PDB file of all heavy atoms in Angstrom:
ATOM      1  N   ASN A   1       1.452 -14.426   5.704  1.00  0.00           N
ATOM      2  CA  ASN A   1       0.384 -13.427   5.754  1.00  0.00           C
ATOM      3  C   ASN A   1       0.927 -12.025   5.468  1.00  0.00           C
ATOM      4  O   ASN A   1       0.564 -11.050   6.139  1.00  0.00           O
ATOM      5  CB  ASN A   1      -0.325 -13.435   7.113  1.00  0.00           C
ATOM      6  CG  ASN A   1      -1.265 -14.600   7.267  1.00  0.00           C
ATOM      7  OD1 ASN A   1      -1.389 -15.448   6.384  1.00  0.00           O
ATOM      8  ND2 ASN A   1      -1.921 -14.669   8.401  1.00  0.00           N
ATOM      9  N   THR A   2       1.776 -11.928   4.484  1.00  0.00           N
ATOM     10  CA  THR A   2       2.483 -10.685   4.214  1.00  0.00           C
ATOM     11  C   THR A   2       2.394 -10.314   2.739  1.00  0.00           C
ATOM     12  O   THR A   2       2.518 -11.184   1.873  1.00  0.00           O
ATOM     13  CB  THR A   2       3.966 -10.796   4.627  1.00  0.00           C
ATOM     14  OG1 THR A   2       4.043 -11.145   6.007  1.00  0.00           O
ATOM     15  CG2 THR A   2       4.695  -9.480   4.413  1.00  0.00           C
ATOM     16  N   MET A   3       2.201  -9.028   2.498  1.00  0.00           N
ATOM     17  CA  MET A   3       2.280  -8.490   1.145  1.00  0.00           C
ATOM     18  C   MET A   3       3.464  -7.531   1.071  1.00  0.00           C
ATOM     19  O   MET A   3       3.869  -6.946   2.091  1.00  0.00           O
ATOM     20  CB  MET A   3       0.983  -7.784   0.741  1.00  0.00           C
ATOM     21  CG  MET A   3       0.695  -6.514   1.515  1.00  0.00           C
ATOM     22  SD  MET A   3      -0.902  -5.793   1.051  1.00  0.00           S
ATOM     23  CE  MET A   3      -1.983  -6.665   2.198  1.00  0.00           C
ATOM     24  N   TYR A   4       4.001  -7.372  -0.132  1.00  0.00           N
ATOM     25  CA  TYR A   4       5.175  -6.528  -0.339  1.00  0.00           C
ATOM     26  C   TYR A   4       4.951  -5.593  -1.525  1.00  0.00           C
ATOM     27  O   TYR A   4       4.189  -5.899  -2.429  1.00  0.00           O
ATOM     28  CB  TYR A   4       6.421  -7.383  -0.626  1.00  0.00           C
ATOM     29  CG  TYR A   4       6.733  -8.408   0.420  1.00  0.00           C
ATOM     30  CD1 TYR A   4       6.301  -9.725   0.274  1.00  0.00           C
ATOM     31  CD2 TYR A   4       7.453  -8.074   1.558  1.00  0.00           C
ATOM     32  CE1 TYR A   4       6.585 -10.677   1.234  1.00  0.00           C
ATOM     33  CE2 TYR A   4       7.749  -9.024   2.528  1.00  0.00           C
ATOM     34  CZ  TYR A   4       7.307 -10.326   2.353  1.00  0.00           C
ATOM     35  OH  TYR A   4       7.596 -11.265   3.310  1.00  0.00           O
ATOM     36  N   LEU A   5       5.658  -4.481  -1.491  1.00  0.00           N
ATOM     37  CA  LEU A   5       5.703  -3.602  -2.660  1.00  0.00           C
ATOM     38  C   LEU A   5       7.156  -3.190  -2.865  1.00  0.00           C
ATOM     39  O   LEU A   5       7.702  -2.411  -2.072  1.00  0.00           O
ATOM     40  CB  LEU A   5       4.822  -2.372  -2.471  1.00  0.00           C
ATOM     41  CG  LEU A   5       4.711  -1.474  -3.701  1.00  0.00           C
ATOM     42  CD1 LEU A   5       3.942  -2.185  -4.832  1.00  0.00           C
ATOM     43  CD2 LEU A   5       4.020  -0.148  -3.354  1.00  0.00           C
ATOM     44  N   GLN A   6       7.776  -3.738  -3.895  1.00  0.00           N
ATOM     45  CA  GLN A   6       9.128  -3.358  -4.252  1.00  0.00           C
ATOM     46  C   GLN A   6       9.048  -2.166  -5.197  1.00  0.00           C
ATOM     47  O   GLN A   6       8.431  -2.252  -6.260  1.00  0.00           O
ATOM     48  CB  GLN A   6       9.849  -4.521  -4.941  1.00  0.00           C
ATOM     49  CG  GLN A   6      11.247  -4.191  -5.417  1.00  0.00           C
ATOM     50  CD  GLN A   6      12.204  -3.917  -4.269  1.00  0.00           C
ATOM     51  OE1 GLN A   6      12.202  -4.648  -3.271  1.00  0.00           O
ATOM     52  NE2 GLN A   6      13.024  -2.867  -4.381  1.00  0.00           N
ATOM     53  N   MET A   7       9.674  -1.067  -4.802  1.00  0.00           N
ATOM     54  CA  MET A   7       9.597   0.176  -5.570  1.00  0.00           C
ATOM     55  C   MET A   7      10.999   0.547  -6.049  1.00  0.00           C
ATOM     56  O   MET A   7      11.878   0.814  -5.227  1.00  0.00           O
ATOM     57  CB  MET A   7       9.013   1.296  -4.702  1.00  0.00           C
ATOM     58  CG  MET A   7       7.650   0.965  -4.124  1.00  0.00           C
ATOM     59  SD  MET A   7       6.912   2.332  -3.204  1.00  0.00           S
ATOM     60  CE  MET A   7       8.042   2.442  -1.823  1.00  0.00           C
ATOM     61  N   ASN A   8      11.183   0.539  -7.342  1.00  0.00           N
ATOM     62  CA  ASN A   8      12.465   0.881  -7.952  1.00  0.00           C
ATOM     63  C   ASN A   8      12.321   2.148  -8.791  1.00  0.00           C
ATOM     64  O   ASN A   8      11.212   2.557  -9.137  1.00  0.00           O
ATOM     65  CB  ASN A   8      12.961  -0.265  -8.830  1.00  0.00           C
ATOM     66  CG  ASN A   8      13.194  -1.544  -8.064  1.00  0.00           C
ATOM     67  OD1 ASN A   8      13.575  -1.522  -6.889  1.00  0.00           O
ATOM     68  ND2 ASN A   8      12.970  -2.668  -8.720  1.00  0.00           N
ATOM     69  N   SER A   9      13.447   2.740  -9.114  1.00  0.00           N
ATOM     70  CA  SER A   9      13.464   3.959  -9.953  1.00  0.00           C
ATOM     71  C   SER A   9      12.476   4.996  -9.431  1.00  0.00           C
ATOM     72  O   SER A   9      11.682   5.554 -10.192  1.00  0.00           O
ATOM     73  CB  SER A   9      13.142   3.599 -11.417  1.00  0.00           C
ATOM     74  OG  SER A   9      14.063   2.657 -11.920  1.00  0.00           O
ATOM     75  N   LEU A  10      12.534   5.225  -8.147  1.00  0.00           N
ATOM     76  CA  LEU A  10      11.567   6.126  -7.521  1.00  0.00           C
ATOM     77  C   LEU A  10      11.724   7.552  -8.027  1.00  0.00           C
ATOM     78  O   LEU A  10      12.839   8.018  -8.322  1.00  0.00           O
ATOM     79  CB  LEU A  10      11.713   6.077  -6.006  1.00  0.00           C
ATOM     80  CG  LEU A  10      11.081   4.848  -5.353  1.00  0.00           C
ATOM     81  CD1 LEU A  10      11.655   4.598  -3.979  1.00  0.00           C
ATOM     82  CD2 LEU A  10       9.568   5.015  -5.291  1.00  0.00           C
ATOM     83  N   LYS A  11      10.585   8.243  -8.110  1.00  0.00           N
ATOM     84  CA  LYS A  11      10.515   9.618  -8.589  1.00  0.00           C
ATOM     85  C   LYS A  11       9.936  10.506  -7.500  1.00  0.00           C
ATOM     86  O   LYS A  11       9.176  10.022  -6.644  1.00  0.00           O
ATOM     87  CB  LYS A  11       9.626   9.698  -9.827  1.00  0.00           C
ATOM     88  CG  LYS A  11      10.033   8.782 -10.962  1.00  0.00           C
ATOM     89  CD  LYS A  11       9.017   8.846 -12.096  1.00  0.00           C
ATOM     90  CE  LYS A  11       9.395   7.917 -13.240  1.00  0.00           C
ATOM     91  NZ  LYS A  11       8.398   7.964 -14.339  1.00  0.00           N
ATOM     92  N   PRO A  12      10.230  11.794  -7.514  1.00  0.00           N
ATOM     93  CA  PRO A  12       9.631  12.686  -6.506  1.00  0.00           C
ATOM     94  C   PRO A  12       8.100  12.601  -6.479  1.00  0.00           C
ATOM     95  O   PRO A  12       7.503  12.739  -5.399  1.00  0.00           O
ATOM     96  CB  PRO A  12      10.117  14.067  -6.948  1.00  0.00           C
ATOM     97  CG  PRO A  12      11.424  13.801  -7.616  1.00  0.00           C
ATOM     98  CD  PRO A  12      11.234  12.489  -8.326  1.00  0.00           C
ATOM     99  N   GLU A  13       7.488  12.363  -7.612  1.00  0.00           N
ATOM    100  CA  GLU A  13       6.020  12.281  -7.643  1.00  0.00           C
ATOM    101  C   GLU A  13       5.480  10.998  -7.005  1.00  0.00           C
ATOM    102  O   GLU A  13       4.266  10.835  -6.869  1.00  0.00           O
ATOM    103  CB  GLU A  13       5.489  12.400  -9.084  1.00  0.00           C
ATOM    104  CG  GLU A  13       6.147  11.482 -10.086  1.00  0.00           C
ATOM    105  CD  GLU A  13       7.271  12.151 -10.851  1.00  0.00           C
ATOM    106  OE1 GLU A  13       8.075  12.885 -10.225  1.00  0.00           O
ATOM    107  OE2 GLU A  13       7.354  11.942 -12.083  1.00  0.00           O
ATOM    108  N   ASP A  14       6.359  10.085  -6.616  1.00  0.00           N
ATOM    109  CA  ASP A  14       5.927   8.909  -5.854  1.00  0.00           C
ATOM    110  C   ASP A  14       5.783   9.218  -4.360  1.00  0.00           C
ATOM    111  O   ASP A  14       5.333   8.371  -3.593  1.00  0.00           O
ATOM    112  CB  ASP A  14       6.927   7.764  -6.023  1.00  0.00           C
ATOM    113  CG  ASP A  14       6.994   7.240  -7.441  1.00  0.00           C
ATOM    114  OD1 ASP A  14       5.924   7.087  -8.072  1.00  0.00           O
ATOM    115  OD2 ASP A  14       8.111   6.985  -7.926  1.00  0.00           O
ATOM    116  N   THR A  15       6.183  10.417  -3.955  1.00  0.00           N
ATOM    117  CA  THR A  15       6.060  10.807  -2.554  1.00  0.00           C
ATOM    118  C   THR A  15       4.594  10.786  -2.125  1.00  0.00           C
ATOM    119  O   THR A  15       3.740  11.401  -2.762  1.00  0.00           O
ATOM    120  CB  THR A  15       6.639  12.215  -2.342  1.00  0.00           C
ATOM    121  OG1 THR A  15       8.048  12.185  -2.610  1.00  0.00           O
ATOM    122  CG2 THR A  15       6.409  12.694  -0.917  1.00  0.00           C
ATOM    123  N   ALA A  16       4.315  10.050  -1.039  1.00  0.00           N
ATOM    124  CA  ALA A  16       2.935   9.879  -0.563  1.00  0.00           C
ATOM    125  C   ALA A  16       2.952   9.021   0.700  1.00  0.00           C
ATOM    126  O   ALA A  16       3.981   8.452   1.066  1.00  0.00           O
ATOM    127  CB  ALA A  16       2.076   9.205  -1.631  1.00  0.00           C
ATOM    128  N   VAL A  17       1.803   8.932   1.327  1.00  0.00           N
ATOM    129  CA  VAL A  17       1.587   7.916   2.357  1.00  0.00           C
ATOM    130  C   VAL A  17       1.039   6.681   1.654  1.00  0.00           C
ATOM    131  O   VAL A  17       0.061   6.771   0.907  1.00  0.00           O
ATOM    132  CB  VAL A  17       0.616   8.399   3.446  1.00  0.00           C
ATOM    133  CG1 VAL A  17       0.366   7.283   4.454  1.00  0.00           C
ATOM    134  CG2 VAL A  17       1.168   9.640   4.141  1.00  0.00           C
ATOM    135  N   TYR A  18       1.676   5.564   1.884  1.00  0.00           N
ATOM    136  CA  TYR A  18       1.288   4.311   1.239  1.00  0.00           C
ATOM    137  C   TYR A  18       0.519   3.438   2.237  1.00  0.00           C
ATOM    138  O   TYR A  18       0.969   3.229   3.370  1.00  0.00           O
ATOM    139  CB  TYR A  18       2.523   3.574   0.732  1.00  0.00           C
ATOM    140  CG  TYR A  18       3.088   4.173  -0.538  1.00  0.00           C
ATOM    141  CD1 TYR A  18       3.717   5.410  -0.516  1.00  0.00           C
ATOM    142  CD2 TYR A  18       2.963   3.522  -1.755  1.00  0.00           C
ATOM    143  CE1 TYR A  18       4.208   5.987  -1.667  1.00  0.00           C
ATOM    144  CE2 TYR A  18       3.452   4.085  -2.924  1.00  0.00           C
ATOM    145  CZ  TYR A  18       4.065   5.319  -2.873  1.00  0.00           C
ATOM    146  OH  TYR A  18       4.551   5.889  -4.032  1.00  0.00           O
ATOM    147  N   TYR A  19      -0.626   2.938   1.794  1.00  0.00           N
ATOM    148  CA  TYR A  19      -1.504   2.127   2.628  1.00  0.00           C
ATOM    149  C   TYR A  19      -1.638   0.733   2.035  1.00  0.00           C
ATOM    150  O   TYR A  19      -1.928   0.593   0.842  1.00  0.00           O
ATOM    151  CB  TYR A  19      -2.893   2.742   2.709  1.00  0.00           C
ATOM    152  CG  TYR A  19      -2.939   4.110   3.348  1.00  0.00           C
ATOM    153  CD1 TYR A  19      -2.797   5.264   2.575  1.00  0.00           C
ATOM    154  CD2 TYR A  19      -3.158   4.257   4.714  1.00  0.00           C
ATOM    155  CE1 TYR A  19      -2.843   6.516   3.147  1.00  0.00           C
ATOM    156  CE2 TYR A  19      -3.210   5.506   5.299  1.00  0.00           C
ATOM    157  CZ  TYR A  19      -3.049   6.632   4.504  1.00  0.00           C
ATOM    158  OH  TYR A  19      -3.110   7.876   5.086  1.00  0.00           O
ATOM    159  N   CYS A  20      -1.497  -0.281   2.861  1.00  0.00           N
ATOM    160  CA  CYS A  20      -1.834  -1.622   2.399  1.00  0.00           C
ATOM    161  C   CYS A  20      -3.307  -1.882   2.675  1.00  0.00           C
ATOM    162  O   CYS A  20      -3.908  -1.263   3.568  1.00  0.00           O
ATOM    163  CB  CYS A  20      -0.956  -2.673   3.056  1.00  0.00           C
ATOM    164  SG  CYS A  20      -1.018  -2.750   4.851  1.00  0.00           S
ATOM    165  N   THR A  21      -3.879  -2.768   1.907  1.00  0.00           N
ATOM    166  CA  THR A  21      -5.298  -3.057   2.043  1.00  0.00           C
ATOM    167  C   THR A  21      -5.577  -4.526   1.790  1.00  0.00           C
ATOM    168  O   THR A  21      -4.844  -5.186   1.049  1.00  0.00           O
ATOM    169  CB  THR A  21      -6.120  -2.179   1.071  1.00  0.00           C
ATOM    170  OG1 THR A  21      -7.510  -2.400   1.293  1.00  0.00           O
ATOM    171  CG2 THR A  21      -5.803  -2.508  -0.370  1.00  0.00           C
ATOM    172  N   LEU A  22      -6.626  -5.017   2.414  1.00  0.00           N
ATOM    173  CA  LEU A  22      -7.105  -6.368   2.187  1.00  0.00           C
ATOM    174  C   LEU A  22      -8.601  -6.260   1.924  1.00  0.00           C
ATOM    175  O   LEU A  22      -9.320  -5.631   2.704  1.00  0.00           O
ATOM    176  CB  LEU A  22      -6.831  -7.262   3.396  1.00  0.00           C
ATOM    177  CG  LEU A  22      -7.033  -8.759   3.180  1.00  0.00           C
ATOM    178  CD1 LEU A  22      -5.980  -9.308   2.216  1.00  0.00           C
ATOM    179  CD2 LEU A  22      -6.962  -9.493   4.513  1.00  0.00           C
ATOM    180  N   ARG A  23      -9.052  -6.865   0.830  1.00  0.00           N
ATOM    181  CA  ARG A  23     -10.459  -6.809   0.450  1.00  0.00           C
ATOM    182  C   ARG A  23     -11.116  -8.124   0.825  1.00  0.00           C
ATOM    183  O   ARG A  23     -10.751  -9.187   0.304  1.00  0.00           O
ATOM    184  CB  ARG A  23     -10.602  -6.535  -1.038  1.00  0.00           C
ATOM    185  CG  ARG A  23     -12.022  -6.355  -1.528  1.00  0.00           C
ATOM    186  CD  ARG A  23     -12.010  -5.845  -2.956  1.00  0.00           C
ATOM    187  NE  ARG A  23     -11.347  -4.553  -3.048  1.00  0.00           N
ATOM    188  CZ  ARG A  23     -10.978  -4.010  -4.209  1.00  0.00           C
ATOM    189  NH1 ARG A  23     -11.170  -4.653  -5.345  1.00  0.00           N
ATOM    190  NH2 ARG A  23     -10.386  -2.835  -4.226  1.00  0.00           N
ATOM    191  N   ILE A  24     -12.077  -8.052   1.726  1.00  0.00           N
ATOM    192  CA  ILE A  24     -12.773  -9.241   2.223  1.00  0.00           C
ATOM    193  C   ILE A  24     -14.260  -9.056   1.963  1.00  0.00           C
ATOM    194  O   ILE A  24     -14.877  -8.132   2.496  1.00  0.00           O
ATOM    195  CB  ILE A  24     -12.516  -9.448   3.730  1.00  0.00           C
ATOM    196  CG1 ILE A  24     -11.008  -9.528   4.010  1.00  0.00           C
ATOM    197  CG2 ILE A  24     -13.226 -10.693   4.231  1.00  0.00           C
ATOM    198  CD1 ILE A  24     -10.664  -9.549   5.486  1.00  0.00           C
ATOM    199  N   TRP A  25     -14.825  -9.951   1.151  1.00  0.00           N
ATOM    200  CA  TRP A  25     -16.253  -9.876   0.809  1.00  0.00           C
ATOM    201  C   TRP A  25     -16.647  -8.472   0.348  1.00  0.00           C
ATOM    202  O   TRP A  25     -17.692  -7.944   0.753  1.00  0.00           O
ATOM    203  CB  TRP A  25     -17.121 -10.308   1.984  1.00  0.00           C
ATOM    204  CG  TRP A  25     -16.949 -11.746   2.327  1.00  0.00           C
ATOM    205  CD1 TRP A  25     -16.294 -12.269   3.387  1.00  0.00           C
ATOM    206  CD2 TRP A  25     -17.449 -12.880   1.575  1.00  0.00           C
ATOM    207  NE1 TRP A  25     -16.341 -13.642   3.355  1.00  0.00           N
ATOM    208  CE2 TRP A  25     -17.035 -14.053   2.268  1.00  0.00           C
ATOM    209  CE3 TRP A  25     -18.182 -13.017   0.399  1.00  0.00           C
ATOM    210  CZ2 TRP A  25     -17.349 -15.334   1.813  1.00  0.00           C
ATOM    211  CZ3 TRP A  25     -18.492 -14.297  -0.042  1.00  0.00           C
ATOM    212  CH2 TRP A  25     -18.080 -15.430   0.656  1.00  0.00           C
ATOM    213  N   GLY A  26     -15.820  -7.862  -0.478  1.00  0.00           N
ATOM    214  CA  GLY A  26     -16.137  -6.568  -1.053  1.00  0.00           C
ATOM    215  C   GLY A  26     -15.821  -5.375  -0.168  1.00  0.00           C
ATOM    216  O   GLY A  26     -15.972  -4.229  -0.614  1.00  0.00           O
ATOM    217  N   LEU A  27     -15.399  -5.610   1.063  1.00  0.00           N
ATOM    218  CA  LEU A  27     -15.050  -4.514   1.974  1.00  0.00           C
ATOM    219  C   LEU A  27     -13.532  -4.371   2.045  1.00  0.00           C
ATOM    220  O   LEU A  27     -12.823  -5.366   2.154  1.00  0.00           O
ATOM    221  CB  LEU A  27     -15.603  -4.774   3.374  1.00  0.00           C
ATOM    222  CG  LEU A  27     -17.123  -4.768   3.516  1.00  0.00           C
ATOM    223  CD1 LEU A  27     -17.515  -5.086   4.950  1.00  0.00           C
ATOM    224  CD2 LEU A  27     -17.708  -3.429   3.099  1.00  0.00           C
ATOM    225  N   ASP A  28     -13.060  -3.126   2.003  1.00  0.00           N
ATOM    226  CA  ASP A  28     -11.630  -2.856   2.074  1.00  0.00           C
ATOM    227  C   ASP A  28     -11.228  -2.523   3.506  1.00  0.00           C
ATOM    228  O   ASP A  28     -11.814  -1.639   4.139  1.00  0.00           O
ATOM    229  CB  ASP A  28     -11.255  -1.700   1.144  1.00  0.00           C
ATOM    230  CG  ASP A  28     -11.362  -2.078  -0.314  1.00  0.00           C
ATOM    231  OD1 ASP A  28     -11.105  -3.245  -0.641  1.00  0.00           O
ATOM    232  OD2 ASP A  28     -11.694  -1.206  -1.143  1.00  0.00           O
ATOM    233  N   TYR A  29     -10.225  -3.205   3.992  1.00  0.00           N
ATOM    234  CA  TYR A  29      -9.638  -2.944   5.305  1.00  0.00           C
ATOM    235  C   TYR A  29      -8.242  -2.358   5.073  1.00  0.00           C
ATOM    236  O   TYR A  29      -7.504  -2.831   4.202  1.00  0.00           O
ATOM    237  CB  TYR A  29      -9.557  -4.238   6.114  1.00  0.00           C
ATOM    238  CG  TYR A  29     -10.908  -4.822   6.433  1.00  0.00           C
ATOM    239  CD1 TYR A  29     -11.576  -5.616   5.504  1.00  0.00           C
ATOM    240  CD2 TYR A  29     -11.532  -4.557   7.648  1.00  0.00           C
ATOM    241  CE1 TYR A  29     -12.820  -6.146   5.774  1.00  0.00           C
ATOM    242  CE2 TYR A  29     -12.777  -5.084   7.932  1.00  0.00           C
ATOM    243  CZ  TYR A  29     -13.417  -5.877   6.991  1.00  0.00           C
ATOM    244  OH  TYR A  29     -14.655  -6.383   7.264  1.00  0.00           O
ATOM    245  N   TRP A  30      -7.897  -1.341   5.882  1.00  0.00           N
ATOM    246  CA  TRP A  30      -6.706  -0.533   5.604  1.00  0.00           C
ATOM    247  C   TRP A  30      -5.670  -0.592   6.717  1.00  0.00           C
ATOM    248  O   TRP A  30      -6.018  -0.604   7.906  1.00  0.00           O
ATOM    249  CB  TRP A  30      -7.126   0.933   5.427  1.00  0.00           C
ATOM    250  CG  TRP A  30      -8.066   1.139   4.295  1.00  0.00           C
ATOM    251  CD1 TRP A  30      -9.426   1.178   4.359  1.00  0.00           C
ATOM    252  CD2 TRP A  30      -7.725   1.304   2.917  1.00  0.00           C
ATOM    253  NE1 TRP A  30      -9.951   1.373   3.093  1.00  0.00           N
ATOM    254  CE2 TRP A  30      -8.939   1.451   2.206  1.00  0.00           C
ATOM    255  CE3 TRP A  30      -6.526   1.357   2.212  1.00  0.00           C
ATOM    256  CZ2 TRP A  30      -8.973   1.636   0.817  1.00  0.00           C
ATOM    257  CZ3 TRP A  30      -6.568   1.556   0.843  1.00  0.00           C
ATOM    258  CH2 TRP A  30      -7.774   1.685   0.169  1.00  0.00           C
ATOM    259  N   GLY A  31      -4.403  -0.570   6.298  1.00  0.00           N
ATOM    260  CA  GLY A  31      -3.334  -0.384   7.247  1.00  0.00           C
ATOM    261  C   GLY A  31      -3.243   1.068   7.685  1.00  0.00           C
ATOM    262  O   GLY A  31      -3.986   1.928   7.215  1.00  0.00           O
ATOM    263  N   GLN A  32      -2.293   1.341   8.568  1.00  0.00           N
ATOM    264  CA  GLN A  32      -2.173   2.681   9.151  1.00  0.00           C
ATOM    265  C   GLN A  32      -1.424   3.648   8.238  1.00  0.00           C
ATOM    266  O   GLN A  32      -1.478   4.863   8.463  1.00  0.00           O
ATOM    267  CB  GLN A  32      -1.470   2.613  10.515  1.00  0.00           C
ATOM    268  CG  GLN A  32       0.042   2.430  10.455  1.00  0.00           C
ATOM    269  CD  GLN A  32       0.474   0.987  10.205  1.00  0.00           C
ATOM    270  OE1 GLN A  32      -0.341   0.105   9.946  1.00  0.00           O
ATOM    271  NE2 GLN A  32       1.785   0.750  10.310  1.00  0.00           N
ATOM    272  N   GLY A  33      -0.745   3.143   7.245  1.00  0.00           N
ATOM    273  CA  GLY A  33      -0.015   3.984   6.304  1.00  0.00           C
ATOM    274  C   GLY A  33       1.445   4.154   6.700  1.00  0.00           C
ATOM    275  O   GLY A  33       1.781   4.173   7.886  1.00  0.00           O
ATOM    276  N   THR A  34       2.281   4.270   5.678  1.00  0.00           N
ATOM    277  CA  THR A  34       3.701   4.523   5.900  1.00  0.00           C
ATOM    278  C   THR A  34       4.165   5.581   4.902  1.00  0.00           C
ATOM    279  O   THR A  34       3.811   5.525   3.721  1.00  0.00           O
ATOM    280  CB  THR A  34       4.532   3.227   5.777  1.00  0.00           C
ATOM    281  OG1 THR A  34       5.890   3.483   6.115  1.00  0.00           O
ATOM    282  CG2 THR A  34       4.474   2.635   4.375  1.00  0.00           C
TER     283      THR A  34
END
């Protein structure tokens, strides 16, 4: 029950809060952000 995001060659413009999401029946549910 896990999703991953492997991020390589990172750039300063990638700086942000990253949120995971799961779409269930058209509704988006969000993680707390990292």
